[in-house]
Amino acid sequence: MRFLIDDQLPPSLAELLSRAGHEAKHLADLGLTGAADIEIWRHAMTARCVIITKDQDFAMLRGLEPDGPAVVWMRWGNTRKTALLQSLRRTLPVIIAALERGEKLVELV
């Protein structure tokens, strides 16, 4: 699976996903740091990536554009990087299963 990691998440999240056998890029890897949400959305559509974000705007876009990319919306609030990575590692099988079932918005609370 291909993932695009939003700005407010650590680049090490892309590394975690890559080690788990997925293709993952952080916006910083692509020169998209600070890009507008719509630019990120279009990039994800073109590259056929799932967006992983803490930004509610992408969840709203997901509802408005049914043909757009899938979104994993992390609603965990302010979390230390180590805790965030551990939580994602633990929930990754559930996330992948939901995306493989065709879920277009996966909310992590």
PDB file of N, CA and C in Angstrom:
ATOM      1  N   MET A   1       0.852  -1.169   0.000  1.00  0.00           N
ATOM      2  CA  MET A   1       0.000   0.000   0.000  1.00  0.00           C
ATOM      3  C   MET A   1       0.901   1.235   0.000  1.00  0.00           C
ATOM      4  N   ARG A   2       0.404   2.301  -0.593  1.00  0.00           N
ATOM      5  CA  ARG A   2       1.174   3.544  -0.690  1.00  0.00           C
ATOM      6  C   ARG A   2       0.564   4.596   0.235  1.00  0.00           C
ATOM      7  N   PHE A   3       1.437   5.226   1.020  1.00  0.00           N
ATOM      8  CA  PHE A   3       0.987   6.220   1.987  1.00  0.00           C
ATOM      9  C   PHE A   3       1.704   7.540   1.776  1.00  0.00           C
ATOM     10  N   LEU A   4       0.980   8.620   2.021  1.00  0.00           N
ATOM     11  CA  LEU A   4       1.516   9.977   2.014  1.00  0.00           C
ATOM     12  C   LEU A   4       1.298  10.539   3.418  1.00  0.00           C
ATOM     13  N   ILE A   5       2.401  10.890   4.098  1.00  0.00           N
ATOM     14  CA  ILE A   5       2.348  11.340   5.484  1.00  0.00           C
ATOM     15  C   ILE A   5       2.319  12.862   5.526  1.00  0.00           C
ATOM     16  N   ASP A   6       1.315  13.411   6.184  1.00  0.00           N
ATOM     17  CA  ASP A   6       1.119  14.855   6.269  1.00  0.00           C
ATOM     18  C   ASP A   6       2.172  15.510   7.169  1.00  0.00           C
ATOM     19  N   ASP A   7       2.310  16.839   7.012  1.00  0.00           N
ATOM     20  CA  ASP A   7       3.331  17.645   7.702  1.00  0.00           C
ATOM     21  C   ASP A   7       3.364  17.502   9.218  1.00  0.00           C
ATOM     22  N   GLN A   8       2.199  17.453   9.849  1.00  0.00           N
ATOM     23  CA  GLN A   8       2.183  17.506  11.306  1.00  0.00           C
ATOM     24  C   GLN A   8       2.559  16.171  11.946  1.00  0.00           C
ATOM     25  N   LEU A   9       2.847  15.173  11.126  1.00  0.00           N
ATOM     26  CA  LEU A   9       3.293  13.876  11.627  1.00  0.00           C
ATOM     27  C   LEU A   9       4.787  13.716  11.364  1.00  0.00           C
ATOM     28  N   PRO A  10       5.480  12.945  12.193  1.00  0.00           N
ATOM     29  CA  PRO A  10       6.935  12.834  12.045  1.00  0.00           C
ATOM     30  C   PRO A  10       7.344  12.010  10.824  1.00  0.00           C
ATOM     31  N   PRO A  11       8.449  12.385  10.176  1.00  0.00           N
ATOM     32  CA  PRO A  11       8.966  11.599   9.048  1.00  0.00           C
ATOM     33  C   PRO A  11       9.245  10.145   9.433  1.00  0.00           C
ATOM     34  N   SER A  12       9.526   9.886  10.695  1.00  0.00           N
ATOM     35  CA  SER A  12       9.793   8.511  11.124  1.00  0.00           C
ATOM     36  C   SER A  12       8.571   7.610  10.953  1.00  0.00           C
ATOM     37  N   LEU A  13       7.395   8.195  10.799  1.00  0.00           N
ATOM     38  CA  LEU A  13       6.197   7.415  10.514  1.00  0.00           C
ATOM     39  C   LEU A  13       6.310   6.756   9.140  1.00  0.00           C
ATOM     40  N   ALA A  14       6.871   7.472   8.176  1.00  0.00           N
ATOM     41  CA  ALA A  14       7.096   6.887   6.847  1.00  0.00           C
ATOM     42  C   ALA A  14       8.086   5.729   6.942  1.00  0.00           C
ATOM     43  N   GLU A  15       9.105   5.887   7.763  1.00  0.00           N
ATOM     44  CA  GLU A  15      10.087   4.814   7.955  1.00  0.00           C
ATOM     45  C   GLU A  15       9.427   3.577   8.561  1.00  0.00           C
ATOM     46  N   LEU A  16       8.564   3.771   9.553  1.00  0.00           N
ATOM     47  CA  LEU A  16       7.856   2.662  10.186  1.00  0.00           C
ATOM     48  C   LEU A  16       7.025   1.901   9.155  1.00  0.00           C
ATOM     49  N   LEU A  17       6.299   2.628   8.329  1.00  0.00           N
ATOM     50  CA  LEU A  17       5.458   1.999   7.311  1.00  0.00           C
ATOM     51  C   LEU A  17       6.297   1.287   6.256  1.00  0.00           C
ATOM     52  N   SER A  18       7.417   1.872   5.889  1.00  0.00           N
ATOM     53  CA  SER A  18       8.313   1.237   4.915  1.00  0.00           C
ATOM     54  C   SER A  18       8.863  -0.076   5.468  1.00  0.00           C
ATOM     55  N   ARG A  19       9.257  -0.076   6.725  1.00  0.00           N
ATOM     56  CA  ARG A  19       9.763  -1.308   7.349  1.00  0.00           C
ATOM     57  C   ARG A  19       8.679  -2.382   7.419  1.00  0.00           C
ATOM     58  N   ALA A  20       7.417  -1.961   7.444  1.00  0.00           N
ATOM     59  CA  ALA A  20       6.298  -2.907   7.480  1.00  0.00           C
ATOM     60  C   ALA A  20       5.920  -3.387   6.078  1.00  0.00           C
ATOM     61  N   GLY A  21       6.680  -2.956   5.063  1.00  0.00           N
ATOM     62  CA  GLY A  21       6.451  -3.450   3.708  1.00  0.00           C
ATOM     63  C   GLY A  21       5.603  -2.559   2.823  1.00  0.00           C
ATOM     64  N   HIS A  22       5.368  -1.338   3.239  1.00  0.00           N
ATOM     65  CA  HIS A  22       4.553  -0.410   2.463  1.00  0.00           C
ATOM     66  C   HIS A  22       5.430   0.681   1.865  1.00  0.00           C
ATOM     67  N   GLU A  23       4.921   1.329   0.850  1.00  0.00           N
ATOM     68  CA  GLU A  23       5.607   2.491   0.285  1.00  0.00           C
ATOM     69  C   GLU A  23       5.053   3.716   1.002  1.00  0.00           C
ATOM     70  N   ALA A  24       5.935   4.497   1.591  1.00  0.00           N
ATOM     71  CA  ALA A  24       5.476   5.654   2.364  1.00  0.00           C
ATOM     72  C   ALA A  24       6.440   6.809   2.185  1.00  0.00           C
ATOM     73  N   LYS A  25       5.871   7.987   1.948  1.00  0.00           N
ATOM     74  CA  LYS A  25       6.653   9.212   1.814  1.00  0.00           C
ATOM     75  C   LYS A  25       6.041  10.280   2.701  1.00  0.00           C
ATOM     76  N   HIS A  26       6.911  11.037   3.341  1.00  0.00           N
ATOM     77  CA  HIS A  26       6.489  12.208   4.108  1.00  0.00           C
ATOM     78  C   HIS A  26       6.467  13.386   3.137  1.00  0.00           C
ATOM     79  N   LEU A  27       5.623  14.373   3.391  1.00  0.00           N
ATOM     80  CA  LEU A  27       5.575  15.548   2.514  1.00  0.00           C
ATOM     81  C   LEU A  27       6.953  16.173   2.347  1.00  0.00           C
ATOM     82  N   ALA A  28       7.769  16.147   3.395  1.00  0.00           N
ATOM     83  CA  ALA A  28       9.120  16.716   3.314  1.00  0.00           C
ATOM     84  C   ALA A  28       9.971  15.976   2.283  1.00  0.00           C
ATOM     85  N   ASP A  29       9.753  14.663   2.126  1.00  0.00           N
ATOM     86  CA  ASP A  29      10.499  13.876   1.138  1.00  0.00           C
ATOM     87  C   ASP A  29      10.191  14.319  -0.285  1.00  0.00           C
ATOM     88  N   LEU A  30       9.025  14.906  -0.470  1.00  0.00           N
ATOM     89  CA  LEU A  30       8.543  15.269  -1.806  1.00  0.00           C
ATOM     90  C   LEU A  30       8.627  16.761  -2.080  1.00  0.00           C
ATOM     91  N   GLY A  31       9.195  17.514  -1.150  1.00  0.00           N
ATOM     92  CA  GLY A  31       9.263  18.962  -1.317  1.00  0.00           C
ATOM     93  C   GLY A  31       7.909  19.636  -1.185  1.00  0.00           C
ATOM     94  N   LEU A  32       6.992  19.011  -0.470  1.00  0.00           N
ATOM     95  CA  LEU A  32       5.636  19.553  -0.322  1.00  0.00           C
ATOM     96  C   LEU A  32       5.370  20.112   1.076  1.00  0.00           C
ATOM     97  N   THR A  33       6.414  20.329   1.855  1.00  0.00           N
ATOM     98  CA  THR A  33       6.236  20.901   3.188  1.00  0.00           C
ATOM     99  C   THR A  33       5.528  22.252   3.074  1.00  0.00           C
ATOM    100  N   GLY A  34       4.469  22.420   3.831  1.00  0.00           N
ATOM    101  CA  GLY A  34       3.727  23.675   3.818  1.00  0.00           C
ATOM    102  C   GLY A  34       2.775  23.836   2.645  1.00  0.00           C
ATOM    103  N   ALA A  35       2.631  22.795   1.827  1.00  0.00           N
ATOM    104  CA  ALA A  35       1.732  22.874   0.670  1.00  0.00           C
ATOM    105  C   ALA A  35       0.277  22.990   1.129  1.00  0.00           C
ATOM    106  N   ALA A  36      -0.534  23.601   0.294  1.00  0.00           N
ATOM    107  CA  ALA A  36      -1.965  23.719   0.574  1.00  0.00           C
ATOM    108  C   ALA A  36      -2.603  22.329   0.566  1.00  0.00           C
ATOM    109  N   ASP A  37      -3.648  22.172   1.367  1.00  0.00           N
ATOM    110  CA  ASP A  37      -4.326  20.878   1.452  1.00  0.00           C
ATOM    111  C   ASP A  37      -4.750  20.366   0.083  1.00  0.00           C
ATOM    112  N   ILE A  38      -5.264  21.236  -0.757  1.00  0.00           N
ATOM    113  CA  ILE A  38      -5.746  20.792  -2.069  1.00  0.00           C
ATOM    114  C   ILE A  38      -4.592  20.288  -2.938  1.00  0.00           C
ATOM    115  N   GLU A  39      -3.419  20.892  -2.792  1.00  0.00           N
ATOM    116  CA  GLU A  39      -2.250  20.422  -3.539  1.00  0.00           C
ATOM    117  C   GLU A  39      -1.832  19.031  -3.054  1.00  0.00           C
ATOM    118  N   ILE A  40      -1.867  18.813  -1.759  1.00  0.00           N
ATOM    119  CA  ILE A  40      -1.549  17.501  -1.187  1.00  0.00           C
ATOM    120  C   ILE A  40      -2.579  16.478  -1.645  1.00  0.00           C
ATOM    121  N   TRP A  41      -3.847  16.866  -1.623  1.00  0.00           N
ATOM    122  CA  TRP A  41      -4.947  15.995  -2.053  1.00  0.00           C
ATOM    123  C   TRP A  41      -4.738  15.563  -3.504  1.00  0.00           C
ATOM    124  N   ARG A  42      -4.436  16.515  -4.365  1.00  0.00           N
ATOM    125  CA  ARG A  42      -4.225  16.200  -5.790  1.00  0.00           C
ATOM    126  C   ARG A  42      -3.016  15.294  -5.987  1.00  0.00           C
ATOM    127  N   HIS A  43      -1.948  15.553  -5.235  1.00  0.00           N
ATOM    128  CA  HIS A  43      -0.771  14.686  -5.335  1.00  0.00           C
ATOM    129  C   HIS A  43      -1.138  13.254  -4.936  1.00  0.00           C
ATOM    130  N   ALA A  44      -1.881  13.108  -3.846  1.00  0.00           N
ATOM    131  CA  ALA A  44      -2.289  11.776  -3.393  1.00  0.00           C
ATOM    132  C   ALA A  44      -3.167  11.086  -4.433  1.00  0.00           C
ATOM    133  N   MET A  45      -4.038  11.837  -5.084  1.00  0.00           N
ATOM    134  CA  MET A  45      -4.879  11.253  -6.133  1.00  0.00           C
ATOM    135  C   MET A  45      -4.026  10.765  -7.294  1.00  0.00           C
ATOM    136  N   THR A  46      -3.117  11.608  -7.755  1.00  0.00           N
ATOM    137  CA  THR A  46      -2.270  11.259  -8.893  1.00  0.00           C
ATOM    138  C   THR A  46      -1.373  10.067  -8.568  1.00  0.00           C
ATOM    139  N   ALA A  47      -0.783  10.072  -7.384  1.00  0.00           N
ATOM    140  CA  ALA A  47       0.153   9.015  -6.988  1.00  0.00           C
ATOM    141  C   ALA A  47      -0.557   7.790  -6.393  1.00  0.00           C
ATOM    142  N   ARG A  48      -1.873   7.877  -6.246  1.00  0.00           N
ATOM    143  CA  ARG A  48      -2.679   6.787  -5.679  1.00  0.00           C
ATOM    144  C   ARG A  48      -2.197   6.400  -4.282  1.00  0.00           C
ATOM    145  N   CYS A  49      -2.097   7.422  -3.442  1.00  0.00           N
ATOM    146  CA  CYS A  49      -1.639   7.243  -2.057  1.00  0.00           C
ATOM    147  C   CYS A  49      -2.794   7.425  -1.084  1.00  0.00           C
ATOM    148  N   VAL A  50      -2.681   6.769   0.037  1.00  0.00           N
ATOM    149  CA  VAL A  50      -3.555   7.007   1.181  1.00  0.00           C
ATOM    150  C   VAL A  50      -2.915   8.130   1.995  1.00  0.00           C
ATOM    151  N   ILE A  51      -3.680   9.145   2.342  1.00  0.00           N
ATOM    152  CA  ILE A  51      -3.165  10.245   3.159  1.00  0.00           C
ATOM    153  C   ILE A  51      -3.298   9.869   4.636  1.00  0.00           C
ATOM    154  N   ILE A  52      -2.206   9.998   5.379  1.00  0.00           N
ATOM    155  CA  ILE A  52      -2.253   9.838   6.836  1.00  0.00           C
ATOM    156  C   ILE A  52      -2.051  11.220   7.435  1.00  0.00           C
ATOM    157  N   THR A  53      -2.998  11.648   8.260  1.00  0.00           N
ATOM    158  CA  THR A  53      -3.014  13.030   8.727  1.00  0.00           C
ATOM    159  C   THR A  53      -3.634  13.153  10.112  1.00  0.00           C
ATOM    160  N   LYS A  54      -3.394  14.283  10.748  1.00  0.00           N
ATOM    161  CA  LYS A  54      -4.109  14.666  11.966  1.00  0.00           C
ATOM    162  C   LYS A  54      -5.060  15.826  11.656  1.00  0.00           C
ATOM    163  N   ASP A  55      -5.136  16.213  10.403  1.00  0.00           N
ATOM    164  CA  ASP A  55      -5.869  17.393   9.943  1.00  0.00           C
ATOM    165  C   ASP A  55      -7.302  17.017   9.540  1.00  0.00           C
ATOM    166  N   GLN A  56      -8.270  17.576  10.234  1.00  0.00           N
ATOM    167  CA  GLN A  56      -9.680  17.297   9.957  1.00  0.00           C
ATOM    168  C   GLN A  56     -10.081  17.711   8.542  1.00  0.00           C
ATOM    169  N   ASP A  57      -9.382  18.673   7.957  1.00  0.00           N
ATOM    170  CA  ASP A  57      -9.732  19.145   6.615  1.00  0.00           C
ATOM    171  C   ASP A  57      -9.722  18.011   5.595  1.00  0.00           C
ATOM    172  N   PHE A  58      -8.802  17.069   5.735  1.00  0.00           N
ATOM    173  CA  PHE A  58      -8.748  15.958   4.784  1.00  0.00           C
ATOM    174  C   PHE A  58      -9.937  15.019   4.964  1.00  0.00           C
ATOM    175  N   ALA A  59     -10.401  14.853   6.191  1.00  0.00           N
ATOM    176  CA  ALA A  59     -11.597  14.048   6.434  1.00  0.00           C
ATOM    177  C   ALA A  59     -12.804  14.722   5.784  1.00  0.00           C
ATOM    178  N   MET A  60     -12.866  16.042   5.862  1.00  0.00           N
ATOM    179  CA  MET A  60     -13.964  16.780   5.233  1.00  0.00           C
ATOM    180  C   MET A  60     -13.877  16.676   3.709  1.00  0.00           C
ATOM    181  N   LEU A  61     -12.685  16.821   3.159  1.00  0.00           N
ATOM    182  CA  LEU A  61     -12.508  16.667   1.710  1.00  0.00           C
ATOM    183  C   LEU A  61     -12.937  15.277   1.262  1.00  0.00           C
ATOM    184  N   ARG A  62     -12.608  14.280   2.058  1.00  0.00           N
ATOM    185  CA  ARG A  62     -12.964  12.893   1.748  1.00  0.00           C
ATOM    186  C   ARG A  62     -14.478  12.777   1.570  1.00  0.00           C
ATOM    187  N   GLY A  63     -15.240  13.464   2.410  1.00  0.00           N
ATOM    188  CA  GLY A  63     -16.691  13.431   2.307  1.00  0.00           C
ATOM    189  C   GLY A  63     -17.225  14.169   1.096  1.00  0.00           C
ATOM    190  N   LEU A  64     -16.495  15.182   0.631  1.00  0.00           N
ATOM    191  CA  LEU A  64     -16.937  15.990  -0.506  1.00  0.00           C
ATOM    192  C   LEU A  64     -16.538  15.411  -1.852  1.00  0.00           C
ATOM    193  N   GLU A  65     -15.451  14.664  -1.883  1.00  0.00           N
ATOM    194  CA  GLU A  65     -14.936  14.128  -3.144  1.00  0.00           C
ATOM    195  C   GLU A  65     -14.863  12.609  -3.067  1.00  0.00           C
ATOM    196  N   PRO A  66     -15.941  11.934  -3.449  1.00  0.00           N
ATOM    197  CA  PRO A  66     -15.990  10.479  -3.306  1.00  0.00           C
ATOM    198  C   PRO A  66     -14.942   9.727  -4.136  1.00  0.00           C
ATOM    199  N   ASP A  67     -14.409  10.355  -5.158  1.00  0.00           N
ATOM    200  CA  ASP A  67     -13.399   9.687  -5.980  1.00  0.00           C
ATOM    201  C   ASP A  67     -11.978   9.994  -5.526  1.00  0.00           C
ATOM    202  N   GLY A  68     -11.832  10.735  -4.453  1.00  0.00           N
ATOM    203  CA  GLY A  68     -10.510  11.120  -3.967  1.00  0.00           C
ATOM    204  C   GLY A  68      -9.814   9.988  -3.229  1.00  0.00           C
ATOM    205  N   PRO A  69      -8.627  10.279  -2.714  1.00  0.00           N
ATOM    206  CA  PRO A  69      -7.848   9.248  -2.019  1.00  0.00           C
ATOM    207  C   PRO A  69      -8.455   8.880  -0.664  1.00  0.00           C
ATOM    208  N   ALA A  70      -8.090   7.710  -0.192  1.00  0.00           N
ATOM    209  CA  ALA A  70      -8.483   7.306   1.158  1.00  0.00           C
ATOM    210  C   ALA A  70      -7.692   8.143   2.161  1.00  0.00           C
ATOM    211  N   VAL A  71      -8.266   8.301   3.346  1.00  0.00           N
ATOM    212  CA  VAL A  71      -7.651   9.114   4.398  1.00  0.00           C
ATOM    213  C   VAL A  71      -7.647   8.324   5.704  1.00  0.00           C
ATOM    214  N   VAL A  72      -6.491   8.289   6.348  1.00  0.00           N
ATOM    215  CA  VAL A  72      -6.385   7.782   7.716  1.00  0.00           C
ATOM    216  C   VAL A  72      -6.248   9.021   8.593  1.00  0.00           C
ATOM    217  N   TRP A  73      -7.266   9.266   9.396  1.00  0.00           N
ATOM    218  CA  TRP A  73      -7.339  10.471  10.221  1.00  0.00           C
ATOM    219  C   TRP A  73      -7.003  10.110  11.661  1.00  0.00           C
ATOM    220  N   MET A  74      -5.839  10.537  12.116  1.00  0.00           N
ATOM    221  CA  MET A  74      -5.379  10.268  13.477  1.00  0.00           C
ATOM    222  C   MET A  74      -5.931  11.344  14.399  1.00  0.00           C
ATOM    223  N   ARG A  75      -6.891  10.984  15.218  1.00  0.00           N
ATOM    224  CA  ARG A  75      -7.526  11.935  16.131  1.00  0.00           C
ATOM    225  C   ARG A  75      -6.999  11.740  17.543  1.00  0.00           C
ATOM    226  N   TRP A  76      -5.705  11.555  17.674  1.00  0.00           N
ATOM    227  CA  TRP A  76      -5.090  11.236  18.953  1.00  0.00           C
ATOM    228  C   TRP A  76      -4.664  12.453  19.745  1.00  0.00           C
ATOM    229  N   GLY A  77      -4.851  13.632  19.246  1.00  0.00           N
ATOM    230  CA  GLY A  77      -4.436  14.826  19.979  1.00  0.00           C
ATOM    231  C   GLY A  77      -2.921  14.921  20.055  1.00  0.00           C
ATOM    232  N   ASN A  78      -2.440  15.740  20.962  1.00  0.00           N
ATOM    233  CA  ASN A  78      -0.992  15.890  21.126  1.00  0.00           C
ATOM    234  C   ASN A  78      -0.434  14.635  21.775  1.00  0.00           C
ATOM    235  N   THR A  79       0.452  13.986  21.060  1.00  0.00           N
ATOM    236  CA  THR A  79       1.020  12.718  21.497  1.00  0.00           C
ATOM    237  C   THR A  79       2.519  12.749  21.274  1.00  0.00           C
ATOM    238  N   ARG A  80       3.265  12.232  22.210  1.00  0.00           N
ATOM    239  CA  ARG A  80       4.712  12.132  22.020  1.00  0.00           C
ATOM    240  C   ARG A  80       4.992  11.225  20.825  1.00  0.00           C
ATOM    241  N   LYS A  81       6.070  11.525  20.123  1.00  0.00           N
ATOM    242  CA  LYS A  81       6.404  10.772  18.914  1.00  0.00           C
ATOM    243  C   LYS A  81       6.500   9.272  19.191  1.00  0.00           C
ATOM    244  N   THR A  82       7.153   8.894  20.262  1.00  0.00           N
ATOM    245  CA  THR A  82       7.310   7.474  20.584  1.00  0.00           C
ATOM    246  C   THR A  82       5.953   6.805  20.779  1.00  0.00           C
ATOM    247  N   ALA A  83       5.065   7.452  21.508  1.00  0.00           N
ATOM    248  CA  ALA A  83       3.730   6.898  21.750  1.00  0.00           C
ATOM    249  C   ALA A  83       2.932   6.824  20.454  1.00  0.00           C
ATOM    250  N   LEU A  84       3.053   7.841  19.619  1.00  0.00           N
ATOM    251  CA  LEU A  84       2.345   7.860  18.343  1.00  0.00           C
ATOM    252  C   LEU A  84       2.796   6.689  17.470  1.00  0.00           C
ATOM    253  N   LEU A  85       4.103   6.481  17.373  1.00  0.00           N
ATOM    254  CA  LEU A  85       4.633   5.388  16.551  1.00  0.00           C
ATOM    255  C   LEU A  85       4.218   4.030  17.107  1.00  0.00           C
ATOM    256  N   GLN A  86       4.242   3.872  18.418  1.00  0.00           N
ATOM    257  CA  GLN A  86       3.810   2.613  19.031  1.00  0.00           C
ATOM    258  C   GLN A  86       2.333   2.355  18.760  1.00  0.00           C
ATOM    259  N   SER A  87       1.518   3.387  18.869  1.00  0.00           N
ATOM    260  CA  SER A  87       0.084   3.240  18.615  1.00  0.00           C
ATOM    261  C   SER A  87      -0.179   2.876  17.165  1.00  0.00           C
ATOM    262  N   LEU A  88       0.536   3.521  16.258  1.00  0.00           N
ATOM    263  CA  LEU A  88       0.332   3.199  14.844  1.00  0.00           C
ATOM    264  C   LEU A  88       0.804   1.782  14.541  1.00  0.00           C
ATOM    265  N   ARG A  89       1.925   1.394  15.086  1.00  0.00           N
ATOM    266  CA  ARG A  89       2.434   0.033  14.867  1.00  0.00           C
ATOM    267  C   ARG A  89       1.398  -0.986  15.342  1.00  0.00           C
ATOM    268  N   ARG A  90       0.789  -0.724  16.478  1.00  0.00           N
ATOM    269  CA  ARG A  90      -0.203  -1.633  17.052  1.00  0.00           C
ATOM    270  C   ARG A  90      -1.490  -1.676  16.217  1.00  0.00           C
ATOM    271  N   THR A  91      -1.914  -0.533  15.676  1.00  0.00           N
ATOM    272  CA  THR A  91      -3.181  -0.482  14.935  1.00  0.00           C
ATOM    273  C   THR A  91      -3.016  -0.694  13.433  1.00  0.00           C
ATOM    274  N   LEU A  92      -1.791  -0.804  12.957  1.00  0.00           N
ATOM    275  CA  LEU A  92      -1.566  -0.928  11.512  1.00  0.00           C
ATOM    276  C   LEU A  92      -2.344  -2.086  10.877  1.00  0.00           C
ATOM    277  N   PRO A  93      -2.391  -3.278  11.468  1.00  0.00           N
ATOM    278  CA  PRO A  93      -3.180  -4.350  10.837  1.00  0.00           C
ATOM    279  C   PRO A  93      -4.656  -3.984  10.663  1.00  0.00           C
ATOM    280  N   VAL A  94      -5.214  -3.270  11.625  1.00  0.00           N
ATOM    281  CA  VAL A  94      -6.620  -2.848  11.543  1.00  0.00           C
ATOM    282  C   VAL A  94      -6.790  -1.811  10.429  1.00  0.00           C
ATOM    283  N   ILE A  95      -5.842  -0.892  10.325  1.00  0.00           N
ATOM    284  CA  ILE A  95      -5.878   0.139   9.278  1.00  0.00           C
ATOM    285  C   ILE A  95      -5.816  -0.508   7.906  1.00  0.00           C
ATOM    286  N   ILE A  96      -4.865  -1.409   7.717  1.00  0.00           N
ATOM    287  CA  ILE A  96      -4.694  -2.072   6.421  1.00  0.00           C
ATOM    288  C   ILE A  96      -5.944  -2.865   6.066  1.00  0.00           C
ATOM    289  N   ALA A  97      -6.492  -3.599   7.022  1.00  0.00           N
ATOM    290  CA  ALA A  97      -7.707  -4.381   6.765  1.00  0.00           C
ATOM    291  C   ALA A  97      -8.858  -3.477   6.338  1.00  0.00           C
ATOM    292  N   ALA A  98      -9.024  -2.342   7.002  1.00  0.00           N
ATOM    293  CA  ALA A  98     -10.103  -1.406   6.648  1.00  0.00           C
ATOM    294  C   ALA A  98      -9.909  -0.864   5.236  1.00  0.00           C
ATOM    295  N   LEU A  99      -8.685  -0.488   4.899  1.00  0.00           N
ATOM    296  CA  LEU A  99      -8.414   0.040   3.558  1.00  0.00           C
ATOM    297  C   LEU A  99      -8.618  -1.034   2.495  1.00  0.00           C
ATOM    298  N   GLU A 100      -8.219  -2.256   2.787  1.00  0.00           N
ATOM    299  CA  GLU A 100      -8.407  -3.351   1.829  1.00  0.00           C
ATOM    300  C   GLU A 100      -9.881  -3.685   1.632  1.00  0.00           C
ATOM    301  N   ARG A 101     -10.709  -3.423   2.637  1.00  0.00           N
ATOM    302  CA  ARG A 101     -12.165  -3.605   2.503  1.00  0.00           C
ATOM    303  C   ARG A 101     -12.807  -2.484   1.694  1.00  0.00           C
ATOM    304  N   GLY A 102     -12.020  -1.458   1.377  1.00  0.00           N
ATOM    305  CA  GLY A 102     -12.558  -0.350   0.604  1.00  0.00           C
ATOM    306  C   GLY A 102     -12.962   0.857   1.418  1.00  0.00           C
ATOM    307  N   GLU A 103     -12.659   0.859   2.714  1.00  0.00           N
ATOM    308  CA  GLU A 103     -12.960   2.034   3.536  1.00  0.00           C
ATOM    309  C   GLU A 103     -12.197   3.228   2.977  1.00  0.00           C
ATOM    310  N   LYS A 104     -12.850   4.364   2.884  1.00  0.00           N
ATOM    311  CA  LYS A 104     -12.217   5.568   2.349  1.00  0.00           C
ATOM    312  C   LYS A 104     -11.813   6.555   3.436  1.00  0.00           C
ATOM    313  N   LEU A 105     -12.365   6.389   4.637  1.00  0.00           N
ATOM    314  CA  LEU A 105     -11.979   7.220   5.777  1.00  0.00           C
ATOM    315  C   LEU A 105     -11.830   6.305   6.983  1.00  0.00           C
ATOM    316  N   VAL A 106     -10.614   6.216   7.488  1.00  0.00           N
ATOM    317  CA  VAL A 106     -10.334   5.407   8.671  1.00  0.00           C
ATOM    318  C   VAL A 106      -9.980   6.380   9.792  1.00  0.00           C
ATOM    319  N   GLU A 107     -10.819   6.423  10.817  1.00  0.00           N
ATOM    320  CA  GLU A 107     -10.591   7.332  11.948  1.00  0.00           C
ATOM    321  C   GLU A 107      -9.959   6.561  13.094  1.00  0.00           C
ATOM    322  N   LEU A 108      -8.857   7.092  13.600  1.00  0.00           N
ATOM    323  CA  LEU A 108      -8.183   6.500  14.750  1.00  0.00           C
ATOM    324  C   LEU A 108      -8.424   7.408  15.948  1.00  0.00           C
ATOM    325  N   VAL A 109      -9.149   6.901  16.935  1.00  0.00           N
ATOM    326  CA  VAL A 109      -9.476   7.704  18.116  1.00  0.00           C
ATOM    327  C   VAL A 109      -8.912   7.069  19.370  1.00  0.00           C
TER     328      VAL A 109
END
